[in-house]
């Protein structure tokens, strides 16, 4: 879910819908990232299954990943 959430968040930042991404297949954003319909589909079909104990370092000024996403992961 983490990668899918990140892609969806970036789509919101770029004021883009899933339909637009689906129709165009790839879109360059004004913040330097290229969004891909194929990669969004891949992220949805292949969620991360992490079965080991892990610690994740997270700083408060992370502009890509929300605190909620980190805590749910």
PDB file of N, CA and C in Angstrom:
ATOM      1  N   UNK A   1       0.821  -1.200   0.000  1.00  0.00           N
ATOM      2  CA  UNK A   1       0.000   0.000   0.000  1.00  0.00           C
ATOM      3  C   UNK A   1       0.860   1.257   0.000  1.00  0.00           C
ATOM      4  N   UNK A   2       2.072   1.182   0.502  1.00  0.00           N
ATOM      5  CA  UNK A   2       2.895   2.388   0.621  1.00  0.00           C
ATOM      6  C   UNK A   2       3.204   3.028  -0.725  1.00  0.00           C
ATOM      7  N   UNK A   3       3.626   2.251  -1.709  1.00  0.00           N
ATOM      8  CA  UNK A   3       3.973   2.822  -3.009  1.00  0.00           C
ATOM      9  C   UNK A   3       2.717   3.340  -3.707  1.00  0.00           C
ATOM     10  N   UNK A   4       1.629   2.598  -3.616  1.00  0.00           N
ATOM     11  CA  UNK A   4       0.381   3.067  -4.210  1.00  0.00           C
ATOM     12  C   UNK A   4      -0.034   4.396  -3.588  1.00  0.00           C
ATOM     13  N   UNK A   5       0.066   4.510  -2.274  1.00  0.00           N
ATOM     14  CA  UNK A   5      -0.298   5.749  -1.574  1.00  0.00           C
ATOM     15  C   UNK A   5       0.575   6.905  -2.041  1.00  0.00           C
ATOM     16  N   UNK A   6       1.869   6.652  -2.201  1.00  0.00           N
ATOM     17  CA  UNK A   6       2.790   7.689  -2.654  1.00  0.00           C
ATOM     18  C   UNK A   6       2.412   8.164  -4.060  1.00  0.00           C
ATOM     19  N   UNK A   7       2.113   7.238  -4.950  1.00  0.00           N
ATOM     20  CA  UNK A   7       1.737   7.604  -6.322  1.00  0.00           C
ATOM     21  C   UNK A   7       0.436   8.399  -6.318  1.00  0.00           C
ATOM     22  N   UNK A   8      -0.538   7.961  -5.534  1.00  0.00           N
ATOM     23  CA  UNK A   8      -1.816   8.678  -5.458  1.00  0.00           C
ATOM     24  C   UNK A   8      -1.608  10.076  -4.885  1.00  0.00           C
ATOM     25  N   UNK A   9      -0.782  10.195  -3.858  1.00  0.00           N
ATOM     26  CA  UNK A   9      -0.486  11.519  -3.294  1.00  0.00           C
ATOM     27  C   UNK A   9       0.150  12.423  -4.354  1.00  0.00           C
ATOM     28  N   UNK A  10       1.099  11.881  -5.118  1.00  0.00           N
ATOM     29  CA  UNK A  10       1.746  12.690  -6.156  1.00  0.00           C
ATOM     30  C   UNK A  10       0.754  13.082  -7.245  1.00  0.00           C
ATOM     31  N   UNK A  11      -0.208  12.212  -7.547  1.00  0.00           N
ATOM     32  CA  UNK A  11      -1.245  12.563  -8.514  1.00  0.00           C
ATOM     33  C   UNK A  11      -2.074  13.736  -7.993  1.00  0.00           C
ATOM     34  N   UNK A  12      -2.372  13.738  -6.698  1.00  0.00           N
ATOM     35  CA  UNK A  12      -3.121  14.852  -6.104  1.00  0.00           C
ATOM     36  C   UNK A  12      -2.324  16.149  -6.179  1.00  0.00           C
ATOM     37  N   UNK A  13      -1.016  16.064  -5.872  1.00  0.00           N
ATOM     38  CA  UNK A  13      -0.163  17.253  -5.932  1.00  0.00           C
ATOM     39  C   UNK A  13      -0.122  17.814  -7.350  1.00  0.00           C
ATOM     40  N   UNK A  14      -0.217  16.934  -8.347  1.00  0.00           N
ATOM     41  CA  UNK A  14      -0.157  17.346  -9.748  1.00  0.00           C
ATOM     42  C   UNK A  14      -1.554  17.664 -10.308  1.00  0.00           C
ATOM     43  N   UNK A  15      -2.581  17.622  -9.446  1.00  0.00           N
ATOM     44  CA  UNK A  15      -3.970  17.872  -9.865  1.00  0.00           C
ATOM     45  C   UNK A  15      -4.369  16.975 -11.030  1.00  0.00           C
ATOM     46  N   UNK A  16      -4.121  15.691 -10.876  1.00  0.00           N
ATOM     47  CA  UNK A  16      -4.378  14.722 -11.931  1.00  0.00           C
ATOM     48  C   UNK A  16      -5.271  13.612 -11.385  1.00  0.00           C
ATOM     49  N   UNK A  17      -6.124  13.094 -12.240  1.00  0.00           N
ATOM     50  CA  UNK A  17      -6.992  11.982 -11.860  1.00  0.00           C
ATOM     51  C   UNK A  17      -6.407  10.669 -12.374  1.00  0.00           C
ATOM     52  N   UNK A  18      -6.916   9.575 -11.826  1.00  0.00           N
ATOM     53  CA  UNK A  18      -6.501   8.265 -12.330  1.00  0.00           C
ATOM     54  C   UNK A  18      -6.877   8.109 -13.794  1.00  0.00           C
ATOM     55  N   UNK A  19      -8.022   8.639 -14.167  1.00  0.00           N
ATOM     56  CA  UNK A  19      -8.463   8.548 -15.562  1.00  0.00           C
ATOM     57  C   UNK A  19      -7.479   9.251 -16.494  1.00  0.00           C
ATOM     58  N   UNK A  20      -7.002  10.437 -16.084  1.00  0.00           N
ATOM     59  CA  UNK A  20      -6.017  11.160 -16.909  1.00  0.00           C
ATOM     60  C   UNK A  20      -4.732  10.344 -17.058  1.00  0.00           C
ATOM     61  N   UNK A  21      -4.269   9.772 -15.936  1.00  0.00           N
ATOM     62  CA  UNK A  21      -3.040   8.982 -15.984  1.00  0.00           C
ATOM     63  C   UNK A  21      -3.254   7.741 -16.852  1.00  0.00           C
ATOM     64  N   UNK A  22      -4.396   7.117 -16.712  1.00  0.00           N
ATOM     65  CA  UNK A  22      -4.708   5.935 -17.526  1.00  0.00           C
ATOM     66  C   UNK A  22      -4.700   6.278 -19.017  1.00  0.00           C
ATOM     67  N   UNK A  23      -5.315   7.398 -19.373  1.00  0.00           N
ATOM     68  CA  UNK A  23      -5.415   7.796 -20.783  1.00  0.00           C
ATOM     69  C   UNK A  23      -4.064   8.198 -21.371  1.00  0.00           C
ATOM     70  N   UNK A  24      -3.243   8.912 -20.583  1.00  0.00           N
ATOM     71  CA  UNK A  24      -1.957   9.402 -21.094  1.00  0.00           C
ATOM     72  C   UNK A  24      -0.813   8.417 -20.881  1.00  0.00           C
ATOM     73  N   UNK A  25      -1.008   7.453 -19.995  1.00  0.00           N
ATOM     74  CA  UNK A  25      -0.017   6.410 -19.654  1.00  0.00           C
ATOM     75  C   UNK A  25       1.161   6.921 -18.828  1.00  0.00           C
ATOM     76  N   UNK A  26       1.757   8.049 -19.189  1.00  0.00           N
ATOM     77  CA  UNK A  26       2.841   8.661 -18.412  1.00  0.00           C
ATOM     78  C   UNK A  26       2.649  10.163 -18.401  1.00  0.00           C
ATOM     79  N   UNK A  27       2.919  10.772 -17.245  1.00  0.00           N
ATOM     80  CA  UNK A  27       2.778  12.223 -17.115  1.00  0.00           C
ATOM     81  C   UNK A  27       3.956  12.760 -16.319  1.00  0.00           C
ATOM     82  N   UNK A  28       4.615  13.780 -16.847  1.00  0.00           N
ATOM     83  CA  UNK A  28       5.662  14.484 -16.113  1.00  0.00           C
ATOM     84  C   UNK A  28       4.995  15.498 -15.189  1.00  0.00           C
ATOM     85  N   UNK A  29       5.442  15.553 -13.949  1.00  0.00           N
ATOM     86  CA  UNK A  29       4.885  16.507 -12.993  1.00  0.00           C
ATOM     87  C   UNK A  29       5.752  17.761 -12.935  1.00  0.00           C
ATOM     88  N   UNK A  30       5.202  18.809 -12.342  1.00  0.00           N
ATOM     89  CA  UNK A  30       5.961  20.052 -12.189  1.00  0.00           C
ATOM     90  C   UNK A  30       6.946  19.980 -11.023  1.00  0.00           C
ATOM     91  N   UNK A  31       6.950  18.857 -10.281  1.00  0.00           N
ATOM     92  CA  UNK A  31       7.909  18.703  -9.188  1.00  0.00           C
ATOM     93  C   UNK A  31       8.972  17.654  -9.514  1.00  0.00           C
ATOM     94  N   UNK A  32       9.083  17.327 -10.815  1.00  0.00           N
ATOM     95  CA  UNK A  32      10.205  16.527 -11.281  1.00  0.00           C
ATOM     96  C   UNK A  32      10.022  15.020 -11.308  1.00  0.00           C
ATOM     97  N   UNK A  33       8.838  14.525 -11.007  1.00  0.00           N
ATOM     98  CA  UNK A  33       8.596  13.091 -11.039  1.00  0.00           C
ATOM     99  C   UNK A  33       7.746  12.727 -12.244  1.00  0.00           C
ATOM    100  N   UNK A  34       8.029  11.592 -12.849  1.00  0.00           N
ATOM    101  CA  UNK A  34       7.205  11.075 -13.937  1.00  0.00           C
ATOM    102  C   UNK A  34       6.287  10.012 -13.348  1.00  0.00           C
ATOM    103  N   UNK A  35       4.986  10.168 -13.562  1.00  0.00           N
ATOM    104  CA  UNK A  35       4.023   9.195 -13.073  1.00  0.00           C
ATOM    105  C   UNK A  35       3.611   8.285 -14.213  1.00  0.00           C
ATOM    106  N   UNK A  36       3.479   7.003 -13.898  1.00  0.00           N
ATOM    107  CA  UNK A  36       3.212   5.992 -14.915  1.00  0.00           C
ATOM    108  C   UNK A  36       1.997   5.157 -14.515  1.00  0.00           C
ATOM    109  N   UNK A  37       1.063   4.986 -15.442  1.00  0.00           N
ATOM    110  CA  UNK A  37      -0.097   4.130 -15.199  1.00  0.00           C
ATOM    111  C   UNK A  37       0.342   2.687 -14.962  1.00  0.00           C
ATOM    112  N   UNK A  38       1.288   2.212 -15.770  1.00  0.00           N
ATOM    113  CA  UNK A  38       1.759   0.838 -15.618  1.00  0.00           C
ATOM    114  C   UNK A  38       2.369   0.610 -14.238  1.00  0.00           C
ATOM    115  N   UNK A  39       3.118   1.586 -13.743  1.00  0.00           N
ATOM    116  CA  UNK A  39       3.744   1.427 -12.426  1.00  0.00           C
ATOM    117  C   UNK A  39       2.702   1.465 -11.315  1.00  0.00           C
ATOM    118  N   UNK A  40       1.681   2.310 -11.445  1.00  0.00           N
ATOM    119  CA  UNK A  40       0.597   2.334 -10.464  1.00  0.00           C
ATOM    120  C   UNK A  40      -0.081   0.964 -10.420  1.00  0.00           C
ATOM    121  N   UNK A  41      -0.355   0.386 -11.578  1.00  0.00           N
ATOM    122  CA  UNK A  41      -0.974  -0.948 -11.647  1.00  0.00           C
ATOM    123  C   UNK A  41      -0.064  -2.000 -11.013  1.00  0.00           C
ATOM    124  N   UNK A  42       1.250  -1.917 -11.290  1.00  0.00           N
ATOM    125  CA  UNK A  42       2.209  -2.844 -10.699  1.00  0.00           C
ATOM    126  C   UNK A  42       2.213  -2.728  -9.174  1.00  0.00           C
ATOM    127  N   UNK A  43       2.216  -1.491  -8.660  1.00  0.00           N
ATOM    128  CA  UNK A  43       2.236  -1.272  -7.209  1.00  0.00           C
ATOM    129  C   UNK A  43       0.979  -1.848  -6.559  1.00  0.00           C
ATOM    130  N   UNK A  44      -0.134  -1.734  -7.225  1.00  0.00           N
ATOM    131  CA  UNK A  44      -1.384  -2.288  -6.683  1.00  0.00           C
ATOM    132  C   UNK A  44      -1.380  -3.819  -6.685  1.00  0.00           C
ATOM    133  N   UNK A  45      -0.808  -4.410  -7.705  1.00  0.00           N
ATOM    134  CA  UNK A  45      -0.792  -5.875  -7.811  1.00  0.00           C
ATOM    135  C   UNK A  45       0.296  -6.514  -6.955  1.00  0.00           C
ATOM    136  N   UNK A  46       1.282  -5.735  -6.550  1.00  0.00           N
ATOM    137  CA  UNK A  46       2.436  -6.264  -5.813  1.00  0.00           C
ATOM    138  C   UNK A  46       2.706  -5.457  -4.550  1.00  0.00           C
ATOM    139  N   UNK A  47       1.768  -5.475  -3.593  1.00  0.00           N
ATOM    140  CA  UNK A  47       2.002  -4.711  -2.365  1.00  0.00           C
ATOM    141  C   UNK A  47       3.169  -5.295  -1.575  1.00  0.00           C
ATOM    142  N   UNK A  48       3.775  -4.480  -0.775  1.00  0.00           N
ATOM    143  CA  UNK A  48       4.902  -4.930   0.045  1.00  0.00           C
ATOM    144  C   UNK A  48       4.366  -5.818   1.161  1.00  0.00           C
ATOM    145  N   UNK A  49       4.938  -6.998   1.309  1.00  0.00           N
ATOM    146  CA  UNK A  49       4.624  -7.897   2.414  1.00  0.00           C
ATOM    147  C   UNK A  49       5.884  -8.055   3.239  1.00  0.00           C
ATOM    148  N   UNK A  50       5.948  -7.324   4.315  1.00  0.00           N
ATOM    149  CA  UNK A  50       7.147  -7.256   5.129  1.00  0.00           C
ATOM    150  C   UNK A  50       6.890  -8.050   6.404  1.00  0.00           C
ATOM    151  N   UNK A  51       7.559  -9.203   6.541  1.00  0.00           N
ATOM    152  CA  UNK A  51       7.302 -10.071   7.683  1.00  0.00           C
ATOM    153  C   UNK A  51       8.456 -10.118   8.679  1.00  0.00           C
ATOM    154  N   UNK A  52       9.329  -9.133   8.633  1.00  0.00           N
ATOM    155  CA  UNK A  52      10.421  -9.086   9.594  1.00  0.00           C
ATOM    156  C   UNK A  52      10.300  -7.820  10.419  1.00  0.00           C
ATOM    157  N   UNK A  53      10.858  -7.865  11.605  1.00  0.00           N
ATOM    158  CA  UNK A  53      10.866  -6.696  12.475  1.00  0.00           C
ATOM    159  C   UNK A  53      11.779  -5.636  11.856  1.00  0.00           C
ATOM    160  N   UNK A  54      11.282  -4.431  11.723  1.00  0.00           N
ATOM    161  CA  UNK A  54      12.082  -3.368  11.101  1.00  0.00           C
ATOM    162  C   UNK A  54      11.844  -2.045  11.812  1.00  0.00           C
ATOM    163  N   UNK A  55      12.845  -1.217  11.799  1.00  0.00           N
ATOM    164  CA  UNK A  55      12.731   0.149  12.309  1.00  0.00           C
ATOM    165  C   UNK A  55      12.891   1.079  11.118  1.00  0.00           C
ATOM    166  N   UNK A  56      12.035   2.053  11.019  1.00  0.00           N
ATOM    167  CA  UNK A  56      12.094   3.004   9.914  1.00  0.00           C
ATOM    168  C   UNK A  56      12.380   4.380  10.485  1.00  0.00           C
ATOM    169  N   UNK A  57      13.402   5.020   9.973  1.00  0.00           N
ATOM    170  CA  UNK A  57      13.718   6.380  10.385  1.00  0.00           C
ATOM    171  C   UNK A  57      12.835   7.332   9.602  1.00  0.00           C
ATOM    172  N   UNK A  58      12.244   8.284  10.280  1.00  0.00           N
ATOM    173  CA  UNK A  58      11.334   9.226   9.626  1.00  0.00           C
ATOM    174  C   UNK A  58      11.522  10.594  10.232  1.00  0.00           C
ATOM    175  N   UNK A  59      11.796  11.555   9.392  1.00  0.00           N
ATOM    176  CA  UNK A  59      11.929  12.939   9.857  1.00  0.00           C
ATOM    177  C   UNK A  59      10.628  13.664   9.574  1.00  0.00           C
ATOM    178  N   UNK A  60      10.356  14.667  10.334  1.00  0.00           N
ATOM    179  CA  UNK A  60       9.107  15.405  10.203  1.00  0.00           C
ATOM    180  C   UNK A  60       8.949  16.177   8.908  1.00  0.00           C
ATOM    181  N   UNK A  61      10.022  16.415   8.188  1.00  0.00           N
ATOM    182  CA  UNK A  61       9.934  17.225   6.969  1.00  0.00           C
ATOM    183  C   UNK A  61      10.038  16.377   5.706  1.00  0.00           C
ATOM    184  N   UNK A  62       9.534  15.163   5.753  1.00  0.00           N
ATOM    185  CA  UNK A  62       9.519  14.287   4.584  1.00  0.00           C
ATOM    186  C   UNK A  62       8.401  14.765   3.664  1.00  0.00           C
ATOM    187  N   UNK A  63       8.752  15.232   2.482  1.00  0.00           N
ATOM    188  CA  UNK A  63       7.761  15.781   1.563  1.00  0.00           C
ATOM    189  C   UNK A  63       7.094  14.726   0.693  1.00  0.00           C
ATOM    190  N   UNK A  64       7.555  13.476   0.753  1.00  0.00           N
ATOM    191  CA  UNK A  64       6.970  12.433  -0.091  1.00  0.00           C
ATOM    192  C   UNK A  64       6.051  11.488   0.662  1.00  0.00           C
ATOM    193  N   UNK A  65       6.449  11.055   1.851  1.00  0.00           N
ATOM    194  CA  UNK A  65       5.695  10.035   2.558  1.00  0.00           C
ATOM    195  C   UNK A  65       5.073  10.595   3.820  1.00  0.00           C
ATOM    196  N   UNK A  66       3.771  10.425   3.952  1.00  0.00           N
ATOM    197  CA  UNK A  66       3.067  10.971   5.114  1.00  0.00           C
ATOM    198  C   UNK A  66       3.387  10.163   6.370  1.00  0.00           C
ATOM    199  N   UNK A  67       3.254  10.818   7.496  1.00  0.00           N
ATOM    200  CA  UNK A  67       3.461  10.180   8.793  1.00  0.00           C
ATOM    201  C   UNK A  67       2.497   8.992   8.941  1.00  0.00           C
ATOM    202  N   UNK A  68       1.265   9.155   8.481  1.00  0.00           N
ATOM    203  CA  UNK A  68       0.256   8.093   8.549  1.00  0.00           C
ATOM    204  C   UNK A  68       0.719   6.848   7.791  1.00  0.00           C
ATOM    205  N   UNK A  69       1.289   7.055   6.615  1.00  0.00           N
ATOM    206  CA  UNK A  69       1.777   5.923   5.823  1.00  0.00           C
ATOM    207  C   UNK A  69       2.905   5.196   6.535  1.00  0.00           C
ATOM    208  N   UNK A  70       3.822   5.937   7.107  1.00  0.00           N
ATOM    209  CA  UNK A  70       4.945   5.335   7.828  1.00  0.00           C
ATOM    210  C   UNK A  70       4.440   4.514   9.011  1.00  0.00           C
ATOM    211  N   UNK A  71       3.509   5.066   9.790  1.00  0.00           N
ATOM    212  CA  UNK A  71       3.018   4.341  10.966  1.00  0.00           C
ATOM    213  C   UNK A  71       2.211   3.103  10.573  1.00  0.00           C
ATOM    214  N   UNK A  72       1.480   3.157   9.486  1.00  0.00           N
ATOM    215  CA  UNK A  72       0.714   1.983   9.074  1.00  0.00           C
ATOM    216  C   UNK A  72       1.637   0.900   8.521  1.00  0.00           C
ATOM    217  N   UNK A  73       2.767   1.300   7.943  1.00  0.00           N
ATOM    218  CA  UNK A  73       3.713   0.335   7.404  1.00  0.00           C
ATOM    219  C   UNK A  73       4.383  -0.402   8.554  1.00  0.00           C
TER     220      UNK A  73
END
